[in-house]
Amino acid sequence: MMVQRQENPQTHSLVVLAHPAASSLTRSVTAAIVEELEALGHTTEIADLAGEGFDPVFGLADHAAYAAGAPTPEDVLEEQRRIDRADHLILVYPVYWWSMPALLKGWIDRVFVSGWAFQEDAQNGLVKKLGRLKVHLIALGGADSVTYVKRGYRKAMQTQIEQGIFDFCGAPVVTSELITTNHPASPSLPLAAAQSIIERLS
């Protein structure tokens, strides 16, 4: 069943995909999100981190830019420009070791840097610079919901990712979904994930 068209203003979303396999659930969910957004008249861009060969390692050039005011690496600037064009940032990723994949974490490490995502100085303290950006998290777990509840994963996800990354930069997290193996493995799962974002898009 398709999402009914709504009278929402057109927005632009950057959908960040962090999975290398072409047949993964992560890619199916990403495709469903993009399809539903575009059906409603919104524009999208996919950042396929594995497919595009993004280097997630915070290396010497990144450190020099952070510590010594050297130029920001061009691949980082390009990712920042992609985010600057977006009203919504949508992250779709599998849960690896109770967190996000290293590829996605490295993207955040390199891209969400001081001077662009936030600023700290003695006079003004912490200045959060991404308040205009709305964030949507779609985490795909490999265990059932009982396991995640037992281990307190939802709280960990909130602390590590929602608060530790995006709240620090001022970007509100308006969707935070943990999809577990309790969900039936059917074509409706990617659509359900897409609808959870559509409902909060305005």
N, C-alpha and C. Protein backbone atom coordinates (compact mmCIF):
# COMPACT_ATOMS: atom_id res chain seq x y z
N MET A 1 0.84 -1.19 0.00
CA MET A 1 0.00 0.00 0.00
C MET A 1 0.88 1.25 0.00
N MET A 2 0.63 2.13 -0.92
CA MET A 2 1.43 3.36 -1.02
C MET A 2 0.97 4.38 0.00
N VAL A 3 1.92 5.23 0.42
CA VAL A 3 1.59 6.32 1.33
C VAL A 3 0.72 7.34 0.61
N GLN A 4 -0.36 7.79 1.24
CA GLN A 4 -1.22 8.79 0.63
C GLN A 4 -0.48 10.10 0.50
N ARG A 5 -0.75 10.79 -0.59
CA ARG A 5 -0.09 12.07 -0.82
C ARG A 5 -0.58 13.10 0.19
N GLN A 6 0.33 13.90 0.69
CA GLN A 6 0.02 14.89 1.70
C GLN A 6 0.41 16.26 1.18
N GLU A 7 -0.18 17.28 1.78
CA GLU A 7 0.11 18.65 1.39
C GLU A 7 1.28 19.18 2.21
N ASN A 8 2.42 18.52 2.12
CA ASN A 8 3.61 18.96 2.82
C ASN A 8 4.49 19.77 1.87
N PRO A 9 5.17 20.78 2.38
CA PRO A 9 6.11 21.51 1.53
C PRO A 9 7.20 20.56 1.04
N GLN A 10 7.68 20.78 -0.17
CA GLN A 10 8.74 19.94 -0.71
C GLN A 10 10.01 20.11 0.12
N THR A 11 10.65 18.99 0.41
CA THR A 11 11.91 19.02 1.14
C THR A 11 12.94 18.20 0.37
N HIS A 12 14.19 18.35 0.77
CA HIS A 12 15.28 17.58 0.17
C HIS A 12 15.93 16.75 1.27
N SER A 13 16.10 15.45 1.00
CA SER A 13 16.67 14.53 1.98
C SER A 13 17.95 13.90 1.46
N LEU A 14 18.94 13.82 2.33
CA LEU A 14 20.14 13.04 2.06
C LEU A 14 20.00 11.73 2.80
N VAL A 15 19.96 10.62 2.05
CA VAL A 15 19.81 9.30 2.64
C VAL A 15 21.16 8.61 2.61
N VAL A 16 21.71 8.35 3.79
CA VAL A 16 23.05 7.77 3.90
C VAL A 16 22.91 6.28 4.15
N LEU A 17 23.51 5.51 3.26
CA LEU A 17 23.43 4.06 3.27
C LEU A 17 24.79 3.48 3.65
N ALA A 18 24.80 2.60 4.64
CA ALA A 18 26.07 2.02 5.10
C ALA A 18 25.98 0.50 5.10
N HIS A 19 26.07 -0.09 3.92
CA HIS A 19 26.11 -1.55 3.78
C HIS A 19 26.67 -1.89 2.41
N PRO A 20 27.62 -2.83 2.33
CA PRO A 20 28.26 -3.12 1.05
C PRO A 20 27.47 -4.04 0.13
N ALA A 21 26.54 -4.85 0.67
CA ALA A 21 25.90 -5.90 -0.13
C ALA A 21 24.71 -5.36 -0.91
N ALA A 22 24.64 -5.70 -2.17
CA ALA A 22 23.57 -5.22 -3.04
C ALA A 22 22.21 -5.80 -2.65
N SER A 23 22.21 -6.98 -2.03
CA SER A 23 20.95 -7.65 -1.69
C SER A 23 20.55 -7.46 -0.23
N SER A 24 21.15 -6.52 0.46
CA SER A 24 20.92 -6.36 1.90
C SER A 24 19.57 -5.72 2.20
N LEU A 25 19.06 -5.99 3.39
CA LEU A 25 17.85 -5.32 3.87
C LEU A 25 18.08 -3.82 3.96
N THR A 26 19.28 -3.42 4.30
CA THR A 26 19.62 -2.00 4.38
C THR A 26 19.34 -1.30 3.06
N ARG A 27 19.72 -1.93 1.96
CA ARG A 27 19.48 -1.32 0.64
C ARG A 27 18.00 -1.35 0.27
N SER A 28 17.31 -2.40 0.66
CA SER A 28 15.87 -2.46 0.38
C SER A 28 15.12 -1.35 1.12
N VAL A 29 15.49 -1.13 2.38
CA VAL A 29 14.85 -0.07 3.16
C VAL A 29 15.19 1.30 2.57
N THR A 30 16.44 1.49 2.18
CA THR A 30 16.84 2.75 1.56
C THR A 30 16.04 3.02 0.29
N ALA A 31 15.90 2.00 -0.56
CA ALA A 31 15.15 2.16 -1.80
C ALA A 31 13.69 2.51 -1.53
N ALA A 32 13.11 1.88 -0.50
CA ALA A 32 11.70 2.16 -0.15
C ALA A 32 11.54 3.59 0.34
N ILE A 33 12.48 4.06 1.14
CA ILE A 33 12.42 5.43 1.65
C ILE A 33 12.48 6.43 0.50
N VAL A 34 13.43 6.22 -0.40
CA VAL A 34 13.59 7.13 -1.54
C VAL A 34 12.33 7.11 -2.42
N GLU A 35 11.79 5.93 -2.67
CA GLU A 35 10.61 5.80 -3.52
C GLU A 35 9.42 6.55 -2.91
N GLU A 36 9.21 6.39 -1.61
CA GLU A 36 8.07 7.03 -0.97
C GLU A 36 8.24 8.55 -0.90
N LEU A 37 9.44 9.01 -0.61
CA LEU A 37 9.69 10.45 -0.57
C LEU A 37 9.44 11.08 -1.94
N GLU A 38 9.97 10.45 -2.98
CA GLU A 38 9.82 11.02 -4.32
C GLU A 38 8.38 10.93 -4.81
N ALA A 39 7.63 9.91 -4.37
CA ALA A 39 6.21 9.82 -4.72
C ALA A 39 5.42 10.98 -4.14
N LEU A 40 5.91 11.53 -3.03
CA LEU A 40 5.25 12.65 -2.39
C LEU A 40 5.77 14.00 -2.90
N GLY A 41 6.66 13.96 -3.88
CA GLY A 41 7.16 15.20 -4.47
C GLY A 41 8.41 15.76 -3.83
N HIS A 42 9.00 15.01 -2.89
CA HIS A 42 10.24 15.46 -2.27
C HIS A 42 11.44 15.02 -3.11
N THR A 43 12.54 15.69 -2.95
CA THR A 43 13.75 15.30 -3.67
C THR A 43 14.69 14.58 -2.72
N THR A 44 15.51 13.69 -3.28
CA THR A 44 16.42 12.89 -2.46
C THR A 44 17.79 12.78 -3.14
N GLU A 45 18.76 12.46 -2.31
CA GLU A 45 20.09 12.09 -2.79
C GLU A 45 20.56 10.96 -1.90
N ILE A 46 21.15 9.93 -2.51
CA ILE A 46 21.67 8.80 -1.75
C ILE A 46 23.18 8.92 -1.64
N ALA A 47 23.68 8.83 -0.41
CA ALA A 47 25.11 8.73 -0.17
C ALA A 47 25.41 7.27 0.15
N ASP A 48 25.83 6.53 -0.87
CA ASP A 48 26.15 5.11 -0.73
C ASP A 48 27.62 5.01 -0.34
N LEU A 49 27.89 4.99 0.95
CA LEU A 49 29.26 5.13 1.43
C LEU A 49 30.17 4.00 0.94
N ALA A 50 29.65 2.77 0.93
CA ALA A 50 30.47 1.66 0.45
C ALA A 50 30.63 1.72 -1.06
N GLY A 51 29.54 1.95 -1.77
CA GLY A 51 29.58 1.99 -3.23
C GLY A 51 30.43 3.13 -3.77
N GLU A 52 30.47 4.24 -3.05
CA GLU A 52 31.24 5.40 -3.49
C GLU A 52 32.69 5.35 -3.01
N GLY A 53 32.99 4.36 -2.18
CA GLY A 53 34.38 4.21 -1.71
C GLY A 53 34.81 5.28 -0.73
N PHE A 54 33.87 5.76 0.10
CA PHE A 54 34.24 6.78 1.08
C PHE A 54 35.27 6.21 2.06
N ASP A 55 36.33 6.97 2.32
CA ASP A 55 37.37 6.57 3.27
C ASP A 55 36.95 7.00 4.68
N PRO A 56 36.64 6.05 5.58
CA PRO A 56 36.17 6.42 6.91
C PRO A 56 37.27 6.71 7.92
N VAL A 57 38.53 6.61 7.52
CA VAL A 57 39.63 6.74 8.49
C VAL A 57 39.95 8.21 8.74
N PHE A 58 39.85 8.61 9.99
CA PHE A 58 40.24 9.95 10.41
C PHE A 58 41.77 9.98 10.43
N GLY A 59 42.35 10.47 9.33
CA GLY A 59 43.79 10.37 9.14
C GLY A 59 44.54 11.65 9.45
N LEU A 60 45.78 11.72 8.98
CA LEU A 60 46.64 12.86 9.28
C LEU A 60 46.08 14.17 8.74
N ALA A 61 45.51 14.14 7.54
CA ALA A 61 44.95 15.37 6.97
C ALA A 61 43.77 15.86 7.79
N ASP A 62 42.96 14.94 8.28
CA ASP A 62 41.83 15.32 9.13
C ASP A 62 42.32 15.91 10.45
N HIS A 63 43.33 15.27 11.02
CA HIS A 63 43.87 15.77 12.28
C HIS A 63 44.50 17.14 12.11
N ALA A 64 45.20 17.33 10.99
CA ALA A 64 45.82 18.63 10.73
C ALA A 64 44.77 19.72 10.58
N ALA A 65 43.66 19.40 9.94
CA ALA A 65 42.58 20.38 9.80
C ALA A 65 41.98 20.71 11.15
N TYR A 66 41.86 19.72 12.02
CA TYR A 66 41.28 19.92 13.34
C TYR A 66 42.23 20.67 14.28
N ALA A 67 43.51 20.26 14.28
CA ALA A 67 44.43 20.77 15.30
C ALA A 67 45.24 21.98 14.86
N ALA A 68 45.47 22.13 13.57
CA ALA A 68 46.40 23.16 13.12
C ALA A 68 45.81 24.10 12.08
N GLY A 69 44.52 23.99 11.82
CA GLY A 69 43.90 24.91 10.87
C GLY A 69 44.25 24.64 9.43
N ALA A 70 44.70 23.44 9.11
CA ALA A 70 44.99 23.08 7.73
C ALA A 70 43.68 22.96 6.95
N PRO A 71 43.74 22.97 5.62
CA PRO A 71 42.51 22.85 4.82
C PRO A 71 41.78 21.55 5.10
N THR A 72 40.47 21.63 5.11
CA THR A 72 39.64 20.43 5.25
C THR A 72 39.78 19.59 3.99
N PRO A 73 39.97 18.27 4.11
CA PRO A 73 40.08 17.42 2.92
C PRO A 73 38.88 17.58 1.99
N GLU A 74 39.12 17.52 0.69
CA GLU A 74 38.07 17.79 -0.29
C GLU A 74 36.92 16.79 -0.19
N ASP A 75 37.22 15.52 0.10
CA ASP A 75 36.12 14.56 0.19
C ASP A 75 35.20 14.86 1.37
N VAL A 76 35.75 15.42 2.43
CA VAL A 76 34.94 15.83 3.58
C VAL A 76 34.09 17.05 3.21
N LEU A 77 34.69 18.01 2.52
CA LEU A 77 33.94 19.19 2.09
C LEU A 77 32.75 18.80 1.21
N GLU A 78 32.96 17.82 0.34
CA GLU A 78 31.88 17.37 -0.54
C GLU A 78 30.72 16.77 0.27
N GLU A 79 31.05 16.00 1.30
CA GLU A 79 29.99 15.44 2.14
C GLU A 79 29.27 16.54 2.92
N GLN A 80 30.00 17.53 3.39
CA GLN A 80 29.37 18.65 4.09
C GLN A 80 28.45 19.43 3.17
N ARG A 81 28.86 19.58 1.91
CA ARG A 81 28.00 20.28 0.94
C ARG A 81 26.71 19.49 0.70
N ARG A 82 26.81 18.17 0.67
CA ARG A 82 25.62 17.35 0.51
C ARG A 82 24.64 17.58 1.67
N ILE A 83 25.17 17.62 2.87
CA ILE A 83 24.32 17.84 4.04
C ILE A 83 23.76 19.25 4.03
N ASP A 84 24.57 20.22 3.63
CA ASP A 84 24.10 21.61 3.58
C ASP A 84 22.92 21.77 2.63
N ARG A 85 22.85 20.94 1.59
CA ARG A 85 21.74 21.01 0.64
C ARG A 85 20.46 20.37 1.18
N ALA A 86 20.58 19.61 2.26
CA ALA A 86 19.47 18.79 2.74
C ALA A 86 18.70 19.45 3.88
N ASP A 87 17.39 19.19 3.90
CA ASP A 87 16.55 19.54 5.04
C ASP A 87 16.52 18.39 6.04
N HIS A 88 16.62 17.17 5.51
CA HIS A 88 16.55 15.97 6.33
C HIS A 88 17.76 15.09 6.05
N LEU A 89 18.34 14.53 7.11
CA LEU A 89 19.43 13.56 7.00
C LEU A 89 18.90 12.23 7.51
N ILE A 90 18.90 11.22 6.64
CA ILE A 90 18.35 9.91 6.97
C ILE A 90 19.48 8.90 6.95
N LEU A 91 19.74 8.25 8.09
CA LEU A 91 20.77 7.23 8.18
C LEU A 91 20.12 5.86 8.24
N VAL A 92 20.50 4.98 7.33
CA VAL A 92 19.98 3.61 7.29
C VAL A 92 21.18 2.68 7.45
N TYR A 93 21.17 1.86 8.50
CA TYR A 93 22.37 1.06 8.78
C TYR A 93 22.04 -0.17 9.62
N PRO A 94 22.83 -1.23 9.45
CA PRO A 94 22.69 -2.39 10.32
C PRO A 94 23.37 -2.12 11.66
N VAL A 95 22.89 -2.77 12.70
CA VAL A 95 23.53 -2.66 14.01
C VAL A 95 24.71 -3.62 14.05
N TYR A 96 25.91 -3.07 14.19
CA TYR A 96 27.13 -3.88 14.34
C TYR A 96 27.66 -3.67 15.75
N TRP A 97 27.85 -4.73 16.50
CA TRP A 97 28.42 -4.64 17.84
C TRP A 97 27.73 -3.57 18.67
N TRP A 98 26.41 -3.54 18.59
CA TRP A 98 25.58 -2.65 19.40
C TRP A 98 25.77 -1.18 19.06
N SER A 99 26.24 -0.92 17.87
CA SER A 99 26.40 0.45 17.42
C SER A 99 26.24 0.46 15.90
N MET A 100 26.74 1.49 15.25
CA MET A 100 26.68 1.59 13.80
C MET A 100 27.95 1.02 13.17
N PRO A 101 27.92 0.67 11.89
CA PRO A 101 29.13 0.16 11.23
C PRO A 101 30.26 1.19 11.25
N ALA A 102 31.49 0.69 11.25
CA ALA A 102 32.65 1.57 11.26
C ALA A 102 32.64 2.54 10.09
N LEU A 103 32.11 2.09 8.94
CA LEU A 103 32.04 2.96 7.77
C LEU A 103 31.21 4.20 8.06
N LEU A 104 30.06 4.02 8.70
CA LEU A 104 29.20 5.16 9.02
C LEU A 104 29.77 5.99 10.15
N LYS A 105 30.32 5.34 11.16
CA LYS A 105 30.93 6.08 12.27
C LYS A 105 32.11 6.91 11.77
N GLY A 106 32.91 6.35 10.85
CA GLY A 106 34.02 7.10 10.28
C GLY A 106 33.55 8.28 9.45
N TRP A 107 32.43 8.12 8.75
CA TRP A 107 31.84 9.24 8.01
C TRP A 107 31.49 10.37 8.97
N ILE A 108 30.88 10.03 10.09
CA ILE A 108 30.54 11.04 11.09
C ILE A 108 31.80 11.65 11.69
N ASP A 109 32.78 10.81 12.03
CA ASP A 109 34.04 11.31 12.60
C ASP A 109 34.68 12.36 11.71
N ARG A 110 34.69 12.11 10.41
CA ARG A 110 35.40 12.99 9.48
C ARG A 110 34.57 14.21 9.07
N VAL A 111 33.24 14.03 8.97
CA VAL A 111 32.40 15.09 8.40
C VAL A 111 31.85 16.04 9.45
N PHE A 112 31.46 15.54 10.61
CA PHE A 112 30.84 16.37 11.64
C PHE A 112 31.92 16.97 12.54
N VAL A 113 32.68 17.88 11.98
CA VAL A 113 33.86 18.39 12.66
C VAL A 113 33.64 19.81 13.18
N SER A 114 34.53 20.19 14.07
CA SER A 114 34.50 21.53 14.66
C SER A 114 34.64 22.59 13.57
N GLY A 115 33.86 23.63 13.69
CA GLY A 115 33.87 24.71 12.71
C GLY A 115 32.74 24.59 11.71
N TRP A 116 32.27 23.37 11.50
CA TRP A 116 31.14 23.15 10.59
C TRP A 116 29.91 22.64 11.35
N ALA A 117 30.08 21.59 12.12
CA ALA A 117 28.95 21.01 12.86
C ALA A 117 28.74 21.68 14.21
N PHE A 118 29.82 22.18 14.79
CA PHE A 118 29.77 22.83 16.10
C PHE A 118 31.00 23.70 16.24
N GLN A 119 31.01 24.53 17.27
CA GLN A 119 32.16 25.38 17.53
C GLN A 119 32.30 25.53 19.05
N GLU A 120 33.48 25.38 19.53
CA GLU A 120 33.75 25.56 20.96
C GLU A 120 34.82 26.63 21.13
N ASP A 121 34.52 27.62 21.95
CA ASP A 121 35.54 28.61 22.27
C ASP A 121 35.28 29.16 23.67
N ALA A 122 36.29 29.84 24.21
CA ALA A 122 36.21 30.32 25.59
C ALA A 122 35.13 31.37 25.77
N GLN A 123 34.86 32.17 24.75
CA GLN A 123 33.90 33.26 24.88
C GLN A 123 32.45 32.77 24.79
N ASN A 124 32.16 31.93 23.81
CA ASN A 124 30.77 31.52 23.57
C ASN A 124 30.44 30.11 24.03
N GLY A 125 31.44 29.36 24.50
CA GLY A 125 31.20 27.99 24.87
C GLY A 125 30.90 27.14 23.65
N LEU A 126 29.95 26.22 23.79
CA LEU A 126 29.58 25.35 22.69
C LEU A 126 28.50 26.00 21.84
N VAL A 127 28.79 26.15 20.55
CA VAL A 127 27.81 26.67 19.60
C VAL A 127 27.40 25.51 18.70
N LYS A 128 26.13 25.12 18.75
CA LYS A 128 25.60 24.03 17.94
C LYS A 128 25.17 24.60 16.59
N LYS A 129 25.71 24.08 15.49
CA LYS A 129 25.56 24.73 14.20
C LYS A 129 24.62 24.02 13.22
N LEU A 130 24.01 22.90 13.65
CA LEU A 130 23.18 22.15 12.72
C LEU A 130 21.71 22.11 13.14
N GLY A 131 21.25 23.16 13.76
CA GLY A 131 19.88 23.19 14.26
C GLY A 131 18.82 23.11 13.18
N ARG A 132 19.16 23.47 11.96
CA ARG A 132 18.17 23.44 10.86
C ARG A 132 17.96 22.04 10.30
N LEU A 133 18.86 21.11 10.63
CA LEU A 133 18.86 19.78 10.01
C LEU A 133 18.06 18.80 10.86
N LYS A 134 17.10 18.13 10.23
CA LYS A 134 16.30 17.11 10.92
C LYS A 134 16.88 15.73 10.60
N VAL A 135 17.06 14.92 11.65
CA VAL A 135 17.75 13.63 11.51
C VAL A 135 16.76 12.49 11.73
N HIS A 136 16.91 11.45 10.90
CA HIS A 136 16.09 10.25 11.01
C HIS A 136 17.04 9.04 11.06
N LEU A 137 16.87 8.19 12.06
CA LEU A 137 17.71 7.02 12.24
C LEU A 137 16.89 5.75 12.02
N ILE A 138 17.34 4.90 11.11
CA ILE A 138 16.73 3.61 10.88
C ILE A 138 17.82 2.55 11.10
N ALA A 139 17.81 1.94 12.29
CA ALA A 139 18.80 0.91 12.64
C ALA A 139 18.17 -0.46 12.47
N LEU A 140 18.87 -1.35 11.79
CA LEU A 140 18.36 -2.69 11.48
C LEU A 140 19.12 -3.71 12.32
N GLY A 141 18.43 -4.27 13.30
CA GLY A 141 19.08 -5.18 14.24
C GLY A 141 19.06 -6.62 13.77
N GLY A 142 20.03 -7.40 14.24
CA GLY A 142 20.12 -8.80 13.90
C GLY A 142 19.63 -9.72 14.99
N ALA A 143 18.97 -9.18 16.00
CA ALA A 143 18.42 -9.98 17.10
C ALA A 143 16.97 -9.55 17.34
N ASP A 144 16.28 -10.29 18.20
CA ASP A 144 14.88 -9.94 18.46
C ASP A 144 14.81 -8.82 19.49
N SER A 145 13.62 -8.25 19.62
CA SER A 145 13.45 -7.08 20.49
C SER A 145 13.72 -7.41 21.95
N VAL A 146 13.45 -8.65 22.37
CA VAL A 146 13.68 -9.06 23.76
C VAL A 146 15.16 -8.90 24.12
N THR A 147 16.02 -9.30 23.19
CA THR A 147 17.46 -9.19 23.44
C THR A 147 17.88 -7.73 23.61
N TYR A 148 17.38 -6.86 22.74
CA TYR A 148 17.76 -5.45 22.83
C TYR A 148 17.20 -4.80 24.08
N VAL A 149 15.98 -5.17 24.47
CA VAL A 149 15.40 -4.63 25.70
C VAL A 149 16.20 -5.10 26.92
N LYS A 150 16.54 -6.38 26.93
CA LYS A 150 17.29 -6.96 28.06
C LYS A 150 18.62 -6.25 28.27
N ARG A 151 19.27 -5.91 27.19
CA ARG A 151 20.60 -5.29 27.27
C ARG A 151 20.56 -3.76 27.27
N GLY A 152 19.37 -3.19 27.20
CA GLY A 152 19.27 -1.74 27.26
C GLY A 152 19.78 -1.03 26.02
N TYR A 153 19.61 -1.68 24.84
CA TYR A 153 20.20 -1.09 23.64
C TYR A 153 19.55 0.22 23.24
N ARG A 154 18.23 0.33 23.42
CA ARG A 154 17.58 1.58 23.00
C ARG A 154 18.15 2.77 23.76
N LYS A 155 18.43 2.57 25.04
CA LYS A 155 19.03 3.65 25.82
C LYS A 155 20.45 3.94 25.33
N ALA A 156 21.18 2.88 25.00
CA ALA A 156 22.54 3.07 24.48
C ALA A 156 22.52 3.82 23.15
N MET A 157 21.57 3.46 22.29
CA MET A 157 21.43 4.15 21.00
C MET A 157 21.12 5.62 21.22
N GLN A 158 20.24 5.89 22.17
CA GLN A 158 19.89 7.28 22.46
C GLN A 158 21.09 8.05 22.98
N THR A 159 21.85 7.44 23.90
CA THR A 159 22.99 8.12 24.50
C THR A 159 24.13 8.32 23.50
N GLN A 160 24.50 7.25 22.81
CA GLN A 160 25.66 7.30 21.93
C GLN A 160 25.42 8.11 20.66
N ILE A 161 24.25 7.90 20.05
CA ILE A 161 24.02 8.46 18.72
C ILE A 161 23.15 9.71 18.76
N GLU A 162 21.97 9.59 19.36
CA GLU A 162 21.04 10.73 19.36
C GLU A 162 21.61 11.91 20.15
N GLN A 163 22.06 11.63 21.38
CA GLN A 163 22.59 12.71 22.22
C GLN A 163 24.06 12.98 21.95
N GLY A 164 24.86 11.90 21.91
CA GLY A 164 26.30 12.06 21.81
C GLY A 164 26.77 12.67 20.50
N ILE A 165 26.00 12.48 19.42
CA ILE A 165 26.40 13.04 18.12
C ILE A 165 25.51 14.20 17.73
N PHE A 166 24.23 13.91 17.53
CA PHE A 166 23.37 14.90 16.88
C PHE A 166 22.91 16.01 17.83
N ASP A 167 22.58 15.68 19.06
CA ASP A 167 22.22 16.76 19.99
C ASP A 167 23.42 17.67 20.25
N PHE A 168 24.61 17.10 20.27
CA PHE A 168 25.81 17.91 20.47
C PHE A 168 25.97 18.95 19.37
N CYS A 169 25.51 18.61 18.15
CA CYS A 169 25.59 19.53 17.02
C CYS A 169 24.31 20.34 16.83
N GLY A 170 23.30 20.07 17.66
CA GLY A 170 22.05 20.84 17.58
C GLY A 170 21.04 20.31 16.60
N ALA A 171 21.31 19.16 15.96
CA ALA A 171 20.41 18.60 14.95
C ALA A 171 19.38 17.71 15.65
N PRO A 172 18.09 18.07 15.60
CA PRO A 172 17.09 17.26 16.28
C PRO A 172 16.86 15.91 15.60
N VAL A 173 16.81 14.85 16.40
CA VAL A 173 16.47 13.52 15.90
C VAL A 173 14.96 13.38 16.00
N VAL A 174 14.28 13.34 14.85
CA VAL A 174 12.81 13.30 14.85
C VAL A 174 12.27 11.90 14.57
N THR A 175 13.12 11.01 14.05
CA THR A 175 12.76 9.60 13.88
C THR A 175 13.91 8.76 14.41
N SER A 176 13.59 7.79 15.25
CA SER A 176 14.61 6.86 15.74
C SER A 176 13.98 5.48 15.85
N GLU A 177 14.23 4.65 14.84
CA GLU A 177 13.60 3.34 14.76
C GLU A 177 14.66 2.24 14.85
N LEU A 178 14.40 1.26 15.72
CA LEU A 178 15.22 0.05 15.78
C LEU A 178 14.34 -1.08 15.27
N ILE A 179 14.65 -1.59 14.09
CA ILE A 179 13.88 -2.67 13.48
C ILE A 179 14.58 -3.98 13.78
N THR A 180 13.87 -4.89 14.46
CA THR A 180 14.47 -6.13 14.92
C THR A 180 13.93 -7.32 14.14
N THR A 181 14.44 -8.50 14.44
CA THR A 181 14.03 -9.71 13.74
C THR A 181 12.62 -10.15 14.11
N ASN A 182 11.97 -9.48 15.05
CA ASN A 182 10.56 -9.76 15.34
C ASN A 182 9.67 -9.37 14.17
N HIS A 183 10.11 -8.38 13.40
CA HIS A 183 9.32 -7.94 12.26
C HIS A 183 9.29 -9.06 11.21
N PRO A 184 8.15 -9.31 10.61
CA PRO A 184 8.08 -10.37 9.58
C PRO A 184 8.95 -10.02 8.39
N ALA A 185 9.64 -11.02 7.88
CA ALA A 185 10.51 -10.81 6.70
C ALA A 185 9.63 -10.79 5.45
N SER A 186 9.08 -9.65 5.15
CA SER A 186 8.18 -9.52 4.01
C SER A 186 8.45 -8.20 3.31
N PRO A 187 7.89 -8.04 2.10
CA PRO A 187 8.10 -6.77 1.38
C PRO A 187 7.57 -5.56 2.13
N SER A 188 6.70 -5.78 3.13
CA SER A 188 6.11 -4.65 3.85
C SER A 188 7.07 -4.00 4.83
N LEU A 189 8.14 -4.70 5.21
CA LEU A 189 9.05 -4.14 6.21
C LEU A 189 9.75 -2.88 5.70
N PRO A 190 10.36 -2.89 4.52
CA PRO A 190 10.96 -1.64 4.03
C PRO A 190 9.96 -0.50 3.92
N LEU A 191 8.74 -0.81 3.49
CA LEU A 191 7.72 0.23 3.38
C LEU A 191 7.34 0.77 4.75
N ALA A 192 7.25 -0.12 5.74
CA ALA A 192 6.92 0.33 7.10
C ALA A 192 8.00 1.28 7.63
N ALA A 193 9.27 0.96 7.34
CA ALA A 193 10.36 1.85 7.76
C ALA A 193 10.26 3.20 7.07
N ALA A 194 9.91 3.17 5.78
CA ALA A 194 9.74 4.43 5.04
C ALA A 194 8.61 5.26 5.61
N GLN A 195 7.50 4.61 5.95
CA GLN A 195 6.34 5.33 6.46
C GLN A 195 6.63 5.98 7.81
N SER A 196 7.51 5.36 8.61
CA SER A 196 7.84 5.95 9.90
C SER A 196 8.51 7.31 9.74
N ILE A 197 9.22 7.48 8.63
CA ILE A 197 9.85 8.77 8.34
C ILE A 197 8.83 9.73 7.72
N ILE A 198 8.04 9.25 6.79
CA ILE A 198 7.05 10.09 6.13
C ILE A 198 6.13 10.75 7.15
N GLU A 199 5.73 9.99 8.17
CA GLU A 199 4.82 10.51 9.19
C GLU A 199 5.40 11.71 9.94
N ARG A 200 6.71 11.80 9.99
CA ARG A 200 7.38 12.86 10.77
C ARG A 200 8.04 13.90 9.88
N LEU A 201 7.80 13.82 8.60
CA LEU A 201 8.54 14.66 7.65
C LEU A 201 8.23 16.14 7.80
N SER A 202 6.99 16.47 8.14
CA SER A 202 6.63 17.89 8.23
C SER A 202 7.18 18.53 9.48
